Amino acid sequence: MNKIYGLTLDSAGRCQHYHTKVDIVALKCAKCQQYYACYQCHDKLVGHHFIPVKTDGPAPALCGVCRNTLTY
């Protein structure tokens, strides 16, 4: 199962920065290739700034509910 990283995550991958009912999509960082709840969580937890993957890549996002990868 794909893992979502972030600060104060709930079961659907919402973090302390984005936590409405629709904030369930994690984004993949091009540098570390990990999924984060948001860029702010990434930048606080990792030693480099968040760099989004290209939108035409195979799995730029991840659903926090079902943990399936998503395309744009």
N, C-alpha and C. Protein backbone atom coordinates (compact mmCIF):
# COMPACT_ATOMS: atom_id res chain seq x y z
N MET A 1 0.85 -1.19 0.00
CA MET A 1 0.00 0.00 0.00
C MET A 1 0.89 1.24 0.00
N ASN A 2 0.51 2.23 -0.77
CA ASN A 2 1.25 3.48 -0.85
C ASN A 2 1.08 4.28 0.43
N LYS A 3 2.16 4.90 0.87
CA LYS A 3 2.16 5.66 2.12
C LYS A 3 2.09 7.15 1.83
N ILE A 4 1.32 7.86 2.66
CA ILE A 4 1.25 9.32 2.60
C ILE A 4 1.99 9.87 3.82
N TYR A 5 2.86 10.82 3.59
CA TYR A 5 3.60 11.46 4.66
C TYR A 5 3.01 12.84 4.93
N GLY A 6 3.10 13.29 6.15
CA GLY A 6 2.60 14.61 6.50
C GLY A 6 2.50 14.79 8.00
N LEU A 7 2.02 15.95 8.40
CA LEU A 7 1.89 16.30 9.82
C LEU A 7 0.45 16.15 10.28
N THR A 8 0.26 15.40 11.34
CA THR A 8 -1.05 15.18 11.94
C THR A 8 -2.06 14.65 10.91
N LEU A 9 -1.72 13.54 10.29
CA LEU A 9 -2.57 12.95 9.26
C LEU A 9 -3.75 12.19 9.87
N ASP A 10 -4.89 12.25 9.19
CA ASP A 10 -6.01 11.39 9.55
C ASP A 10 -6.00 10.17 8.63
N SER A 11 -6.98 9.32 8.73
CA SER A 11 -7.00 8.07 7.96
C SER A 11 -7.14 8.29 6.45
N ALA A 12 -7.60 9.47 6.03
CA ALA A 12 -7.76 9.77 4.61
C ALA A 12 -6.62 10.63 4.06
N GLY A 13 -5.56 10.81 4.85
CA GLY A 13 -4.39 11.56 4.38
C GLY A 13 -4.50 13.06 4.50
N ARG A 14 -5.49 13.56 5.22
CA ARG A 14 -5.59 15.01 5.45
C ARG A 14 -4.59 15.42 6.52
N CYS A 15 -4.00 16.59 6.34
CA CYS A 15 -2.99 17.05 7.29
C CYS A 15 -3.48 18.27 8.07
N GLN A 16 -2.59 18.81 8.88
CA GLN A 16 -2.95 19.98 9.68
C GLN A 16 -3.13 21.24 8.83
N HIS A 17 -2.61 21.23 7.61
CA HIS A 17 -2.72 22.41 6.74
C HIS A 17 -3.98 22.37 5.86
N TYR A 18 -4.32 21.19 5.38
CA TYR A 18 -5.48 21.01 4.49
C TYR A 18 -6.33 19.88 5.05
N HIS A 19 -7.52 20.20 5.53
CA HIS A 19 -8.30 19.19 6.22
C HIS A 19 -9.81 19.30 6.00
N THR A 20 -10.22 19.78 4.82
CA THR A 20 -11.64 19.75 4.50
C THR A 20 -11.98 18.36 3.96
N LYS A 21 -13.25 18.09 3.74
CA LYS A 21 -13.65 16.75 3.28
C LYS A 21 -13.11 16.40 1.90
N VAL A 22 -12.72 17.39 1.11
CA VAL A 22 -12.19 17.11 -0.23
C VAL A 22 -10.66 17.08 -0.30
N ASP A 23 -9.99 17.31 0.79
CA ASP A 23 -8.52 17.32 0.81
C ASP A 23 -7.96 15.92 1.03
N ILE A 24 -8.23 15.03 0.09
CA ILE A 24 -7.81 13.64 0.25
C ILE A 24 -6.80 13.20 -0.81
N VAL A 25 -6.23 14.12 -1.55
CA VAL A 25 -5.28 13.77 -2.60
C VAL A 25 -3.87 14.18 -2.18
N ALA A 26 -2.98 13.20 -2.13
CA ALA A 26 -1.58 13.46 -1.81
C ALA A 26 -0.81 13.67 -3.11
N LEU A 27 0.22 14.50 -3.04
CA LEU A 27 1.01 14.84 -4.21
C LEU A 27 2.40 14.22 -4.12
N LYS A 28 2.93 13.83 -5.27
CA LYS A 28 4.23 13.19 -5.32
C LYS A 28 5.33 14.21 -5.59
N CYS A 29 6.40 14.12 -4.82
CA CYS A 29 7.55 15.00 -5.00
C CYS A 29 8.49 14.38 -6.03
N ALA A 30 8.91 15.17 -7.00
CA ALA A 30 9.79 14.68 -8.06
C ALA A 30 11.18 14.34 -7.53
N LYS A 31 11.62 15.01 -6.49
CA LYS A 31 12.97 14.77 -5.98
C LYS A 31 13.06 13.49 -5.14
N CYS A 32 12.17 13.31 -4.18
CA CYS A 32 12.26 12.15 -3.30
C CYS A 32 11.30 11.02 -3.67
N GLN A 33 10.39 11.27 -4.63
CA GLN A 33 9.46 10.25 -5.13
C GLN A 33 8.54 9.69 -4.04
N GLN A 34 8.18 10.51 -3.07
CA GLN A 34 7.26 10.13 -2.00
C GLN A 34 6.00 10.98 -2.10
N TYR A 35 4.89 10.45 -1.58
CA TYR A 35 3.62 11.18 -1.57
C TYR A 35 3.46 11.93 -0.25
N TYR A 36 3.08 13.20 -0.35
CA TYR A 36 2.87 14.05 0.82
C TYR A 36 1.49 14.66 0.79
N ALA A 37 0.92 14.85 1.97
CA ALA A 37 -0.42 15.44 2.08
C ALA A 37 -0.43 16.85 1.47
N CYS A 38 0.67 17.58 1.62
CA CYS A 38 0.78 18.91 1.01
C CYS A 38 2.24 19.33 0.95
N TYR A 39 2.50 20.39 0.23
CA TYR A 39 3.87 20.87 0.07
C TYR A 39 4.42 21.41 1.39
N GLN A 40 3.56 21.96 2.23
CA GLN A 40 4.02 22.50 3.52
C GLN A 40 4.52 21.38 4.43
N CYS A 41 3.78 20.29 4.49
CA CYS A 41 4.22 19.13 5.27
C CYS A 41 5.56 18.63 4.74
N HIS A 42 5.66 18.49 3.43
CA HIS A 42 6.91 18.02 2.82
C HIS A 42 8.07 18.90 3.24
N ASP A 43 7.92 20.21 3.08
CA ASP A 43 9.03 21.12 3.35
C ASP A 43 9.43 21.13 4.82
N LYS A 44 8.52 20.82 5.72
CA LYS A 44 8.85 20.76 7.15
C LYS A 44 9.51 19.44 7.53
N LEU A 45 9.25 18.38 6.77
CA LEU A 45 9.75 17.06 7.13
C LEU A 45 11.00 16.62 6.38
N VAL A 46 11.29 17.26 5.25
CA VAL A 46 12.40 16.82 4.39
C VAL A 46 13.38 17.97 4.19
N GLY A 47 14.61 17.66 3.87
CA GLY A 47 15.66 18.66 3.72
C GLY A 47 15.74 19.34 2.36
N HIS A 48 14.68 19.28 1.57
CA HIS A 48 14.63 19.99 0.29
C HIS A 48 13.20 20.48 0.07
N HIS A 49 13.05 21.45 -0.83
CA HIS A 49 11.72 21.97 -1.13
C HIS A 49 10.95 21.01 -2.04
N PHE A 50 9.63 21.04 -1.91
CA PHE A 50 8.77 20.20 -2.72
C PHE A 50 8.87 20.60 -4.18
N ILE A 51 9.07 19.62 -5.03
CA ILE A 51 9.09 19.82 -6.48
C ILE A 51 8.04 18.87 -7.06
N PRO A 52 6.96 19.40 -7.63
CA PRO A 52 5.92 18.51 -8.14
C PRO A 52 6.41 17.71 -9.34
N VAL A 53 5.90 16.49 -9.47
CA VAL A 53 6.19 15.70 -10.66
C VAL A 53 5.41 16.28 -11.83
N LYS A 54 5.81 15.95 -13.03
CA LYS A 54 5.09 16.43 -14.21
C LYS A 54 3.68 15.84 -14.23
N THR A 55 2.73 16.63 -14.65
CA THR A 55 1.33 16.19 -14.64
C THR A 55 1.06 15.07 -15.63
N ASP A 56 1.93 14.88 -16.60
CA ASP A 56 1.73 13.79 -17.56
C ASP A 56 2.44 12.51 -17.13
N GLY A 57 3.01 12.50 -15.92
CA GLY A 57 3.66 11.31 -15.40
C GLY A 57 2.65 10.22 -15.06
N PRO A 58 3.13 9.01 -14.77
CA PRO A 58 2.23 7.88 -14.54
C PRO A 58 1.42 7.94 -13.25
N ALA A 59 1.91 8.59 -12.21
CA ALA A 59 1.18 8.60 -10.94
C ALA A 59 1.52 9.83 -10.11
N PRO A 60 1.11 11.02 -10.57
CA PRO A 60 1.48 12.24 -9.85
C PRO A 60 0.70 12.48 -8.56
N ALA A 61 -0.37 11.72 -8.33
CA ALA A 61 -1.20 11.93 -7.15
C ALA A 61 -1.67 10.59 -6.59
N LEU A 62 -2.12 10.62 -5.34
CA LEU A 62 -2.55 9.42 -4.64
C LEU A 62 -3.80 9.73 -3.85
N CYS A 63 -4.82 8.89 -3.97
CA CYS A 63 -6.05 9.07 -3.21
C CYS A 63 -5.81 8.64 -1.77
N GLY A 64 -6.16 9.50 -0.83
CA GLY A 64 -5.97 9.18 0.58
C GLY A 64 -6.96 8.17 1.12
N VAL A 65 -8.07 7.96 0.44
CA VAL A 65 -9.08 7.03 0.91
C VAL A 65 -8.77 5.60 0.45
N CYS A 66 -8.60 5.40 -0.86
CA CYS A 66 -8.39 4.05 -1.40
C CYS A 66 -6.92 3.73 -1.64
N ARG A 67 -6.05 4.75 -1.58
CA ARG A 67 -4.60 4.62 -1.79
C ARG A 67 -4.23 4.19 -3.21
N ASN A 68 -5.12 4.42 -4.16
CA ASN A 68 -4.80 4.18 -5.57
C ASN A 68 -4.11 5.41 -6.14
N THR A 69 -3.19 5.18 -7.06
CA THR A 69 -2.55 6.31 -7.72
C THR A 69 -3.50 6.91 -8.74
N LEU A 70 -3.32 8.20 -8.99
CA LEU A 70 -4.20 8.94 -9.88
C LEU A 70 -3.40 9.66 -10.94
N THR A 71 -4.01 9.86 -12.10
CA THR A 71 -3.42 10.70 -13.13
C THR A 71 -4.15 12.04 -13.11
N TYR A 72 -3.59 13.04 -13.79
CA TYR A 72 -4.25 14.32 -13.85
C TYR A 72 -5.38 14.25 -14.86
